[in-house]
N, C-alpha and C. Protein backbone atom coordinates (compact mmCIF):
# COMPACT_ATOMS: atom_id res chain seq x y z
N UNK A 1 132.89 149.99 20.96
CA UNK A 1 133.56 148.79 21.42
C UNK A 1 134.35 148.18 20.25
N UNK A 2 135.57 147.80 20.51
CA UNK A 2 136.40 147.14 19.51
C UNK A 2 135.81 145.77 19.20
N UNK A 3 136.03 145.29 17.98
CA UNK A 3 135.56 143.95 17.60
C UNK A 3 136.75 143.01 17.47
N UNK A 4 136.47 141.72 17.55
CA UNK A 4 137.53 140.73 17.37
C UNK A 4 138.19 140.87 16.00
N UNK A 5 137.38 141.14 15.00
CA UNK A 5 137.88 141.31 13.64
C UNK A 5 138.85 142.49 13.55
N UNK A 6 138.49 143.61 14.17
CA UNK A 6 139.36 144.78 14.17
C UNK A 6 140.69 144.48 14.86
N UNK A 7 140.61 143.83 16.02
CA UNK A 7 141.82 143.51 16.78
C UNK A 7 142.70 142.56 15.97
N UNK A 8 142.09 141.55 15.38
CA UNK A 8 142.85 140.59 14.55
C UNK A 8 143.56 141.32 13.41
N UNK A 9 142.85 142.22 12.73
CA UNK A 9 143.45 142.98 11.63
C UNK A 9 144.62 143.83 12.12
N UNK A 10 144.46 144.49 13.25
CA UNK A 10 145.53 145.31 13.82
C UNK A 10 146.76 144.45 14.10
N UNK A 11 146.54 143.25 14.60
CA UNK A 11 147.66 142.37 14.97
C UNK A 11 148.43 141.84 13.75
N UNK A 12 147.88 142.01 12.55
CA UNK A 12 148.64 141.62 11.35
C UNK A 12 149.81 142.58 11.12
N UNK A 13 149.86 143.66 11.89
CA UNK A 13 150.96 144.63 11.79
C UNK A 13 152.01 144.43 12.89
N UNK A 14 151.84 143.38 13.68
CA UNK A 14 152.79 143.08 14.77
C UNK A 14 153.65 141.90 14.32
N UNK A 15 154.95 142.14 14.23
CA UNK A 15 155.88 141.10 13.76
C UNK A 15 156.45 140.30 14.92
N UNK A 16 156.59 139.02 14.69
CA UNK A 16 157.27 138.15 15.65
C UNK A 16 158.73 138.59 15.71
N UNK A 17 159.32 138.50 16.86
CA UNK A 17 160.70 138.95 17.03
C UNK A 17 161.75 138.08 16.36
N UNK A 18 161.44 136.81 16.12
CA UNK A 18 162.43 135.90 15.57
C UNK A 18 162.22 135.56 14.10
N UNK A 19 161.00 135.67 13.63
CA UNK A 19 160.66 135.32 12.24
C UNK A 19 160.05 136.56 11.59
N UNK A 20 160.44 136.84 10.38
CA UNK A 20 159.98 138.05 9.69
C UNK A 20 158.58 137.88 9.12
N UNK A 21 157.61 137.66 10.01
CA UNK A 21 156.21 137.55 9.62
C UNK A 21 155.35 138.00 10.80
N UNK A 22 154.09 138.31 10.52
CA UNK A 22 153.24 138.81 11.60
C UNK A 22 152.68 137.68 12.46
N UNK A 23 152.28 138.03 13.67
CA UNK A 23 151.84 137.03 14.65
C UNK A 23 150.57 136.30 14.23
N UNK A 24 149.72 136.95 13.46
CA UNK A 24 148.49 136.29 13.00
C UNK A 24 148.82 135.22 11.98
N UNK A 25 149.58 135.58 10.94
CA UNK A 25 149.93 134.62 9.90
C UNK A 25 150.77 133.46 10.43
N UNK A 26 151.53 133.71 11.47
CA UNK A 26 152.35 132.65 12.06
C UNK A 26 151.55 131.71 12.97
N UNK A 27 150.29 132.05 13.23
CA UNK A 27 149.47 131.21 14.09
C UNK A 27 149.72 131.46 15.57
N UNK A 28 150.22 132.64 15.90
CA UNK A 28 150.58 132.96 17.28
C UNK A 28 149.49 133.73 18.03
N UNK A 29 148.40 134.03 17.37
CA UNK A 29 147.27 134.68 18.04
C UNK A 29 146.39 133.57 18.60
N UNK A 30 146.41 133.41 19.91
CA UNK A 30 145.69 132.32 20.55
C UNK A 30 144.30 132.71 21.00
N UNK A 31 144.09 133.94 21.44
CA UNK A 31 142.79 134.31 21.95
C UNK A 31 142.62 135.83 21.98
N UNK A 32 141.39 136.26 21.72
CA UNK A 32 140.99 137.65 21.87
C UNK A 32 139.71 137.65 22.69
N UNK A 33 139.72 138.33 23.82
CA UNK A 33 138.52 138.54 24.64
C UNK A 33 138.24 140.02 24.69
N UNK A 34 137.00 140.38 24.48
CA UNK A 34 136.59 141.79 24.55
C UNK A 34 135.40 141.88 25.48
N UNK A 35 135.57 142.67 26.53
CA UNK A 35 134.48 142.94 27.47
C UNK A 35 134.38 144.45 27.61
N UNK A 36 133.31 145.00 27.07
CA UNK A 36 133.13 146.45 27.09
C UNK A 36 134.25 147.14 26.33
N UNK A 37 134.95 148.03 26.99
CA UNK A 37 136.04 148.77 26.34
C UNK A 37 137.41 148.18 26.66
N UNK A 38 137.42 146.92 27.11
CA UNK A 38 138.68 146.25 27.46
C UNK A 38 138.95 145.09 26.51
N UNK A 39 140.17 145.05 25.96
CA UNK A 39 140.61 143.98 25.08
C UNK A 39 141.71 143.20 25.77
N UNK A 40 141.58 141.87 25.77
CA UNK A 40 142.62 141.00 26.32
C UNK A 40 143.03 140.04 25.21
N UNK A 41 144.33 140.05 24.90
CA UNK A 41 144.87 139.23 23.82
C UNK A 41 145.91 138.27 24.39
N UNK A 42 145.90 137.05 23.88
CA UNK A 42 146.94 136.08 24.24
C UNK A 42 147.70 135.72 22.97
N UNK A 43 149.01 135.91 23.03
CA UNK A 43 149.89 135.63 21.91
C UNK A 43 150.93 134.60 22.30
N UNK A 44 151.44 133.89 21.30
CA UNK A 44 152.57 133.00 21.52
C UNK A 44 153.79 133.58 20.85
N UNK A 45 154.88 132.84 20.87
CA UNK A 45 156.12 133.27 20.24
C UNK A 45 156.77 132.08 19.55
N UNK A 46 157.52 132.38 18.50
CA UNK A 46 158.20 131.29 17.80
C UNK A 46 159.39 130.78 18.59
N UNK A 47 159.96 131.63 19.45
CA UNK A 47 161.10 131.23 20.28
C UNK A 47 161.02 131.98 21.60
N UNK A 48 161.38 131.33 22.70
CA UNK A 48 161.31 132.01 24.00
C UNK A 48 162.42 133.06 24.14
N UNK A 49 162.01 134.28 24.37
CA UNK A 49 162.96 135.38 24.54
C UNK A 49 162.23 136.52 25.25
N UNK A 50 162.57 136.74 26.49
CA UNK A 50 161.87 137.74 27.30
C UNK A 50 161.95 139.14 26.68
N UNK A 51 163.08 139.48 26.08
CA UNK A 51 163.24 140.80 25.47
C UNK A 51 162.29 140.95 24.29
N UNK A 52 162.24 139.94 23.44
CA UNK A 52 161.34 139.97 22.30
C UNK A 52 159.89 139.99 22.76
N UNK A 53 159.56 139.20 23.78
CA UNK A 53 158.19 139.19 24.32
C UNK A 53 157.76 140.59 24.71
N UNK A 54 158.62 141.31 25.40
CA UNK A 54 158.29 142.67 25.84
C UNK A 54 158.04 143.58 24.65
N UNK A 55 158.83 143.45 23.61
CA UNK A 55 158.66 144.28 22.43
C UNK A 55 157.37 143.95 21.69
N UNK A 56 157.08 142.67 21.55
CA UNK A 56 155.86 142.25 20.84
C UNK A 56 154.62 142.68 21.61
N UNK A 57 154.60 142.46 22.92
CA UNK A 57 153.42 142.84 23.70
C UNK A 57 153.23 144.36 23.70
N UNK A 58 154.31 145.11 23.80
CA UNK A 58 154.20 146.57 23.78
C UNK A 58 153.68 147.07 22.44
N UNK A 59 154.17 146.50 21.35
CA UNK A 59 153.72 146.91 20.02
C UNK A 59 152.25 146.53 19.80
N UNK A 60 151.87 145.33 20.21
CA UNK A 60 150.48 144.90 20.06
C UNK A 60 149.56 145.83 20.85
N UNK A 61 149.92 146.12 22.08
CA UNK A 61 149.11 146.99 22.93
C UNK A 61 149.00 148.39 22.33
N UNK A 62 150.12 148.93 21.90
CA UNK A 62 150.14 150.28 21.32
C UNK A 62 149.23 150.36 20.09
N UNK A 63 149.34 149.38 19.21
CA UNK A 63 148.54 149.42 17.98
C UNK A 63 147.05 149.22 18.24
N UNK A 64 146.71 148.33 19.16
CA UNK A 64 145.29 148.12 19.48
C UNK A 64 144.70 149.40 20.06
N UNK A 65 145.41 150.04 20.96
CA UNK A 65 144.92 151.31 21.53
C UNK A 65 144.79 152.39 20.47
N UNK A 66 145.75 152.43 19.56
CA UNK A 66 145.80 153.47 18.54
C UNK A 66 144.75 153.27 17.45
N UNK A 67 144.49 152.03 17.07
CA UNK A 67 143.67 151.77 15.88
C UNK A 67 142.26 151.23 16.15
N UNK A 68 141.92 151.05 17.41
CA UNK A 68 140.55 150.65 17.76
C UNK A 68 140.04 151.63 18.81
N UNK A 69 138.81 151.44 19.22
CA UNK A 69 138.29 152.33 20.26
C UNK A 69 138.40 151.70 21.65
N UNK A 70 139.26 150.71 21.81
CA UNK A 70 139.49 150.10 23.12
C UNK A 70 140.15 151.12 24.04
N UNK A 71 139.72 151.14 25.29
CA UNK A 71 140.32 152.04 26.27
C UNK A 71 141.36 151.33 27.14
N UNK A 72 141.22 150.03 27.26
CA UNK A 72 142.14 149.24 28.07
C UNK A 72 142.56 148.01 27.27
N UNK A 73 143.84 147.73 27.26
CA UNK A 73 144.35 146.58 26.52
C UNK A 73 145.35 145.82 27.37
N UNK A 74 145.18 144.53 27.41
CA UNK A 74 146.13 143.64 28.10
C UNK A 74 146.59 142.60 27.09
N UNK A 75 147.90 142.46 26.96
CA UNK A 75 148.47 141.46 26.05
C UNK A 75 149.36 140.55 26.87
N UNK A 76 149.04 139.27 26.85
CA UNK A 76 149.82 138.28 27.58
C UNK A 76 150.48 137.33 26.60
N UNK A 77 151.71 136.96 26.91
CA UNK A 77 152.41 135.93 26.13
C UNK A 77 152.13 134.57 26.77
N UNK A 78 151.81 133.61 25.92
CA UNK A 78 151.52 132.25 26.36
C UNK A 78 152.74 131.40 26.06
N UNK A 79 153.31 130.79 27.09
CA UNK A 79 154.54 130.02 26.89
C UNK A 79 154.36 128.52 27.05
N UNK A 80 153.13 128.08 27.29
CA UNK A 80 152.94 126.65 27.48
C UNK A 80 152.53 125.92 26.20
N UNK A 81 152.61 126.61 25.08
CA UNK A 81 152.36 126.00 23.77
C UNK A 81 153.64 126.10 22.95
N UNK A 82 154.04 125.01 22.36
CA UNK A 82 155.25 125.01 21.54
C UNK A 82 154.86 125.32 20.09
N UNK A 83 155.43 126.39 19.55
CA UNK A 83 155.13 126.79 18.18
C UNK A 83 155.85 125.88 17.19
N UNK A 84 155.18 125.54 16.10
CA UNK A 84 155.80 124.81 15.00
C UNK A 84 155.38 125.49 13.69
N UNK A 85 156.14 125.31 12.62
CA UNK A 85 155.77 125.90 11.34
C UNK A 85 154.40 125.44 10.83
N UNK A 86 153.90 124.32 11.32
CA UNK A 86 152.58 123.83 10.91
C UNK A 86 151.48 124.80 11.32
N UNK A 87 151.76 125.68 12.26
CA UNK A 87 150.76 126.64 12.74
C UNK A 87 150.61 127.84 11.80
N UNK A 88 151.54 128.00 10.86
CA UNK A 88 151.50 129.14 9.94
C UNK A 88 150.38 128.97 8.92
N UNK A 89 149.86 130.11 8.45
CA UNK A 89 148.92 130.04 7.33
C UNK A 89 149.70 130.03 6.02
N UNK A 90 148.98 129.86 4.92
CA UNK A 90 149.63 129.76 3.61
C UNK A 90 150.40 131.01 3.23
N UNK A 91 149.88 132.20 3.63
CA UNK A 91 150.59 133.45 3.33
C UNK A 91 151.97 133.48 3.97
N UNK A 92 152.05 133.08 5.23
CA UNK A 92 153.35 133.07 5.92
C UNK A 92 154.29 132.06 5.29
N UNK A 93 153.77 130.89 4.98
CA UNK A 93 154.61 129.88 4.34
C UNK A 93 155.19 130.40 3.03
N UNK A 94 154.34 131.03 2.24
CA UNK A 94 154.78 131.56 0.95
C UNK A 94 155.83 132.65 1.13
N UNK A 95 155.59 133.59 2.06
CA UNK A 95 156.52 134.70 2.25
C UNK A 95 157.86 134.23 2.81
N UNK A 96 157.85 133.12 3.56
CA UNK A 96 159.08 132.58 4.14
C UNK A 96 159.67 131.45 3.31
N UNK A 97 159.02 131.17 2.17
CA UNK A 97 159.49 130.14 1.25
C UNK A 97 159.56 128.75 1.92
N UNK A 98 158.48 128.41 2.62
CA UNK A 98 158.37 127.11 3.30
C UNK A 98 157.23 126.34 2.66
N UNK A 99 157.51 125.12 2.25
CA UNK A 99 156.47 124.28 1.64
C UNK A 99 155.52 123.78 2.73
N UNK A 100 154.28 123.51 2.33
CA UNK A 100 153.26 123.04 3.28
C UNK A 100 153.68 121.76 3.96
N UNK A 101 154.39 120.89 3.27
CA UNK A 101 154.79 119.61 3.86
C UNK A 101 155.99 119.75 4.81
N UNK A 102 156.56 120.94 4.89
CA UNK A 102 157.67 121.18 5.83
C UNK A 102 157.16 121.57 7.21
N UNK A 103 155.91 121.95 7.32
CA UNK A 103 155.36 122.40 8.59
C UNK A 103 154.91 121.26 9.42
């Protein structure tokens, strides 16, 4: 069975479509549920874009299946939360050259 920690680590390799940083560091990983061999992930986006959403969800699903022992993966985009730079961790701020007081 895949673990939340494994899934979270895998998602550090999934880049947001609008900002050159991964979804975990940007604060876009909202939830991971694991029941048996099924993983369900909820992600947000920095900007609404259906094309980018499809690419991000496909990449997240592909990597989770490839790098964990999950047999079934569902990735949903959550659009009812508005992303702000304040949601980023320090690594993302540093890599994007954004000061903590700008978020």
